[in-house]
Amino acid sequence: MNYRQAIHSYLSANRYGAMDLKAVLFDMDGVLYDSMPAHAEAWVAVMAKHGYRFSQQDAYLNEGRTGVGTLRLVCDREGIALCDREMEALYDEKKEYFRSLPQAEPMPGAYEVLRKVTGEGLVPVVVTGSGHADLLDRLNRTFLGIAFRRDRMITAFDVKHGKPHPEPYLMALALGGWRPWEVMVVENAPLGIASAHAAGLFTLAVNTGPLPDACLLDAGANLLFREMAELANAWETIHISG
């Protein structure tokens, strides 16, 4: 399916007249930063330390959930009873392990996509399950000139229901008073794609991890790319098609 067909199918399925793009909503890990390998390592190591089964694939399949949400799934699967305070402590341990690893580099092609988005006067919004307090400062240090703002971000601190629930993306729409046909989403994870799809949003999948393409397409992606650089090269075609 080409770009024009994908957009036409989306508009037709949702009974929208046309795309009128005003903002682009970006996931962070695996989209803006090549950080998922480190997140997976941290999850696997901390879970193993406490005797819980958790694989690298589990990390990628659950990417986008809040940390506590992921731990609740582990507890259900393992038959473990942990209170919220214990889960928060375990997630803090995972975050500390993650911070001990070399800092992830920007995803190749991400800056080019952001420059094209902002160069057209579109608003970049970050929608992430991350709960790191220094997130905004790091984004603005990494992507100079993009000017991310806290009131244009949805993080784990903001939501009651993380991805795959539509709440994160519905909250992102509310930030700018946008309607579904006025935004596009860039996601790399099945749960994030499912969240955006449930919110009725046109979603570009970028498969920067080890999961098969089918995992992202089956979650509801409208178009799939294999790297952010590919999306950067195709951006004008997608936007014109809209």
Protein backbone atom coordinates (compact mmCIF):
# COMPACT_ATOMS: atom_id res chain seq x y z
CA MET A 1 0.00 0.00 0.00
CA ASN A 2 1.39 3.39 -0.93
CA TYR A 3 1.12 6.57 1.12
CA ARG A 4 -1.89 7.96 -0.69
CA GLN A 5 -3.80 4.68 -0.45
CA ALA A 6 -3.03 4.37 3.27
CA ILE A 7 -4.27 7.87 4.03
CA HIS A 8 -7.37 7.40 1.88
CA SER A 9 -8.17 4.12 3.66
CA TYR A 10 -7.74 5.79 7.06
CA LEU A 11 -9.98 8.72 6.17
CA SER A 12 -12.61 6.46 4.65
CA ALA A 13 -12.63 4.01 7.58
CA ASN A 14 -13.09 6.85 10.07
CA ARG A 15 -15.41 8.95 7.88
CA TYR A 16 -13.10 11.96 7.96
CA GLY A 17 -13.03 14.36 5.04
CA ALA A 18 -9.29 15.07 4.75
CA MET A 19 -6.09 15.28 6.73
CA ASP A 20 -5.33 18.80 7.96
CA LEU A 21 -2.04 18.22 9.73
CA LYS A 22 -1.17 20.49 12.65
CA ALA A 23 0.93 18.26 14.95
CA VAL A 24 3.01 15.09 14.92
CA LEU A 25 3.01 12.91 18.04
CA PHE A 26 6.25 11.02 18.69
CA ASP A 27 6.96 8.10 20.95
CA MET A 28 10.44 8.47 22.46
CA ASP A 29 12.29 5.18 23.10
CA GLY A 30 13.02 3.48 19.80
CA VAL A 31 11.80 6.52 17.84
CA LEU A 32 13.74 9.58 19.00
CA TYR A 33 16.43 7.62 20.92
CA ASP A 34 18.03 4.25 20.25
CA SER A 35 17.35 3.39 23.88
CA MET A 36 15.35 0.17 23.75
CA PRO A 37 18.36 -2.19 23.93
CA ALA A 38 19.35 -0.55 27.23
CA HIS A 39 15.79 -0.64 28.55
CA ALA A 40 15.57 -4.33 27.67
CA GLU A 41 18.89 -5.06 29.38
CA ALA A 42 17.77 -3.21 32.52
CA TRP A 43 14.43 -5.01 32.71
CA VAL A 44 15.97 -8.44 32.14
CA ALA A 45 18.74 -7.91 34.70
CA VAL A 46 16.55 -6.55 37.49
CA MET A 47 13.83 -9.15 36.99
CA ALA A 48 16.42 -11.95 37.01
CA LYS A 49 17.96 -10.55 40.20
CA HIS A 50 14.61 -10.96 41.93
CA GLY A 51 13.93 -14.37 40.38
CA TYR A 52 11.24 -13.27 37.91
CA ARG A 53 11.04 -14.49 34.32
CA PHE A 54 11.40 -11.63 31.86
CA SER A 55 13.00 -11.88 28.41
CA GLN A 56 14.29 -9.32 25.94
CA GLN A 57 11.22 -10.04 23.82
CA ASP A 58 9.02 -9.31 26.85
CA ALA A 59 10.67 -5.89 27.08
CA TYR A 60 9.94 -5.07 23.44
CA LEU A 61 6.40 -6.45 23.53
CA ASN A 62 5.61 -4.38 26.62
CA GLU A 63 7.39 -1.23 25.46
CA GLY A 64 5.18 1.79 26.03
CA ARG A 65 3.53 0.61 29.22
CA THR A 66 4.23 2.52 32.38
CA GLY A 67 6.82 0.76 34.53
CA VAL A 68 4.28 -0.20 37.17
CA GLY A 69 1.95 -1.43 34.44
CA THR A 70 4.66 -3.77 33.18
CA LEU A 71 5.32 -5.02 36.70
CA ARG A 72 1.64 -5.73 37.25
CA LEU A 73 1.72 -8.02 34.22
CA VAL A 74 4.79 -9.80 35.58
CA CYS A 75 3.06 -10.24 38.95
CA ASP A 76 -0.04 -11.68 37.30
CA ARG A 77 2.02 -14.07 35.18
CA GLU A 78 4.30 -15.19 38.01
CA GLY A 79 1.60 -15.35 40.68
CA ILE A 80 3.40 -12.71 42.76
CA ALA A 81 1.66 -10.39 45.20
CA LEU A 82 3.41 -7.02 45.37
CA CYS A 83 1.89 -3.82 46.72
CA ASP A 84 2.13 -0.55 44.80
CA ARG A 85 4.99 0.64 47.01
CA GLU A 86 6.99 -2.52 46.30
CA MET A 87 6.37 -2.20 42.56
CA GLU A 88 7.46 1.44 42.62
CA ALA A 89 10.66 0.41 44.42
CA LEU A 90 11.31 -2.31 41.85
CA TYR A 91 10.74 0.11 38.99
CA ASP A 92 13.09 2.62 40.65
CA GLU A 93 15.70 -0.15 40.71
CA LYS A 94 15.17 -0.72 36.99
CA LYS A 95 15.54 3.03 36.31
CA GLU A 96 18.78 3.15 38.30
CA TYR A 97 20.17 0.23 36.30
CA PHE A 98 19.15 1.96 33.07
CA ARG A 99 20.87 5.18 34.16
CA SER A 100 24.07 3.23 34.87
CA LEU A 101 24.32 2.19 31.22
CA PRO A 102 25.88 4.37 28.49
CA GLN A 103 23.41 7.04 27.43
CA ALA A 104 21.52 6.12 24.28
CA GLU A 105 22.28 8.02 21.10
CA PRO A 106 19.58 9.77 19.08
CA MET A 107 17.92 7.43 16.60
CA PRO A 108 19.52 8.00 13.17
CA GLY A 109 17.13 10.06 11.09
CA ALA A 110 15.11 11.37 14.05
CA TYR A 111 16.56 14.88 13.93
CA GLU A 112 15.89 15.08 10.19
CA VAL A 113 12.25 14.09 10.72
CA LEU A 114 11.87 16.65 13.51
CA ARG A 115 13.42 19.42 11.40
CA LYS A 116 11.04 18.69 8.54
CA VAL A 117 8.05 18.61 10.90
CA THR A 118 8.89 21.89 12.62
CA GLY A 119 10.02 23.48 9.36
CA GLU A 120 6.45 23.12 8.13
CA GLY A 121 5.10 24.80 11.25
CA LEU A 122 3.82 21.55 12.74
CA VAL A 123 3.95 21.01 16.51
CA PRO A 124 6.10 18.11 17.79
CA VAL A 125 4.58 16.35 20.80
CA VAL A 126 6.20 13.54 22.82
CA VAL A 127 3.93 10.75 24.08
CA THR A 128 5.97 8.31 26.15
CA GLY A 129 5.55 5.78 28.91
CA SER A 130 8.84 6.98 30.38
CA GLY A 131 8.90 8.48 33.84
CA HIS A 132 12.36 10.05 33.86
CA ALA A 133 12.32 13.50 35.47
CA ASP A 134 15.07 14.99 33.25
CA LEU A 135 13.38 14.01 30.01
CA LEU A 136 12.56 17.51 28.75
CA ASP A 137 16.09 18.85 29.36
CA ARG A 138 17.62 15.92 27.53
CA LEU A 139 15.32 16.28 24.53
CA ASN A 140 16.20 19.95 24.16
CA ARG A 141 19.93 19.28 24.57
CA THR A 142 19.83 16.54 21.96
CA PHE A 143 17.56 18.10 19.35
CA LEU A 144 18.77 21.69 19.26
CA GLY A 145 16.32 24.15 17.79
CA ILE A 146 13.27 21.90 18.08
CA ALA A 147 12.12 23.49 21.38
CA PHE A 148 10.17 20.72 23.06
CA ARG A 149 7.90 22.01 25.84
CA ARG A 150 6.54 20.34 28.96
CA ASP A 151 3.02 21.38 28.04
CA ARG A 152 3.50 19.52 24.77
CA MET A 153 4.43 16.19 26.38
CA ILE A 154 2.54 13.25 27.83
CA THR A 155 4.64 11.02 30.11
CA ALA A 156 4.09 8.32 32.70
CA PHE A 157 3.53 11.10 35.25
CA ASP A 158 0.43 12.29 33.40
CA VAL A 159 -1.64 9.18 32.75
CA LYS A 160 -3.75 6.77 34.76
CA HIS A 161 -3.80 4.22 31.95
CA GLY A 162 -0.63 3.69 29.92
CA LYS A 163 -0.36 2.30 26.42
CA PRO A 164 -2.10 0.27 24.89
CA HIS A 165 -5.00 2.21 26.43
CA PRO A 166 -5.88 5.20 24.20
CA GLU A 167 -5.61 7.67 27.11
CA PRO A 168 -2.03 8.87 26.37
CA TYR A 169 -2.90 9.83 22.80
CA LEU A 170 -6.31 11.23 23.69
CA MET A 171 -4.54 13.43 26.26
CA ALA A 172 -2.07 14.51 23.58
CA LEU A 173 -4.96 15.59 21.35
CA ALA A 174 -6.39 17.61 24.22
CA LEU A 175 -3.09 19.48 24.70
CA GLY A 176 -3.60 21.40 21.48
CA GLY A 177 -7.34 21.03 21.06
CA TRP A 178 -6.60 18.98 17.93
CA ARG A 179 -8.97 16.62 16.19
CA PRO A 180 -7.89 13.13 15.07
CA TRP A 181 -7.38 14.11 11.41
CA GLU A 182 -5.10 16.97 12.45
CA VAL A 183 -2.28 14.78 13.79
CA MET A 184 -0.06 11.86 12.82
CA VAL A 185 1.67 9.47 15.21
CA VAL A 186 5.18 8.01 14.90
CA GLU A 187 5.55 4.80 16.95
CA ASN A 188 7.82 1.77 17.04
CA ALA A 189 6.05 -0.50 19.52
CA PRO A 190 2.93 -2.68 19.21
CA LEU A 191 1.37 -1.28 22.38
CA GLY A 192 1.99 2.31 21.33
CA ILE A 193 0.52 1.64 17.92
CA ALA A 194 -2.52 -0.01 19.52
CA SER A 195 -2.94 3.04 21.77
CA ALA A 196 -2.83 5.47 18.84
CA HIS A 197 -5.10 3.26 16.73
CA ALA A 198 -7.65 3.06 19.56
CA ALA A 199 -7.58 6.87 19.74
CA GLY A 200 -8.46 7.00 16.02
CA LEU A 201 -5.13 8.42 14.84
CA PHE A 202 -3.17 7.86 11.63
CA THR A 203 -0.07 5.96 12.74
CA LEU A 204 3.33 5.58 11.11
CA ALA A 205 5.21 2.56 12.44
CA VAL A 206 9.01 2.59 12.42
CA ASN A 207 10.32 -0.91 13.11
CA THR A 208 13.61 -0.11 14.82
CA GLY A 209 13.56 -3.21 17.06
CA PRO A 210 13.70 -7.01 16.71
CA LEU A 211 9.97 -7.70 16.40
CA PRO A 212 8.55 -8.82 13.04
CA ASP A 213 6.77 -6.23 10.94
CA ALA A 214 3.52 -8.14 11.40
CA CYS A 215 3.49 -7.27 15.12
CA LEU A 216 3.29 -3.58 14.25
CA LEU A 217 0.90 -3.90 11.34
CA ASP A 218 -1.44 -6.18 13.29
CA ALA A 219 -1.50 -3.61 16.10
CA GLY A 220 -3.03 -1.10 13.68
CA ALA A 221 -0.19 0.76 11.94
CA ASN A 222 -1.30 2.50 8.75
CA LEU A 223 2.17 2.58 7.20
CA LEU A 224 5.45 0.91 8.13
CA PHE A 225 9.05 2.08 7.76
CA ARG A 226 12.18 0.24 8.88
CA GLU A 227 14.13 3.23 10.11
CA MET A 228 13.64 6.89 10.92
CA ALA A 229 15.91 7.88 8.03
CA GLU A 230 13.50 6.16 5.65
CA LEU A 231 10.65 8.15 7.14
CA ALA A 232 12.67 11.37 6.78
CA ASN A 233 13.21 10.66 3.09
CA ALA A 234 9.51 9.92 2.54
CA TRP A 235 8.09 12.72 4.71
CA GLU A 236 7.17 15.17 1.95
CA THR A 237 5.40 12.43 -0.01
CA ILE A 238 3.35 11.43 3.03
CA HIS A 239 2.42 14.99 3.90
CA ILE A 240 1.50 15.88 0.31
CA SER A 241 -0.64 12.75 0.13
CA GLY A 242 -2.51 13.96 3.20
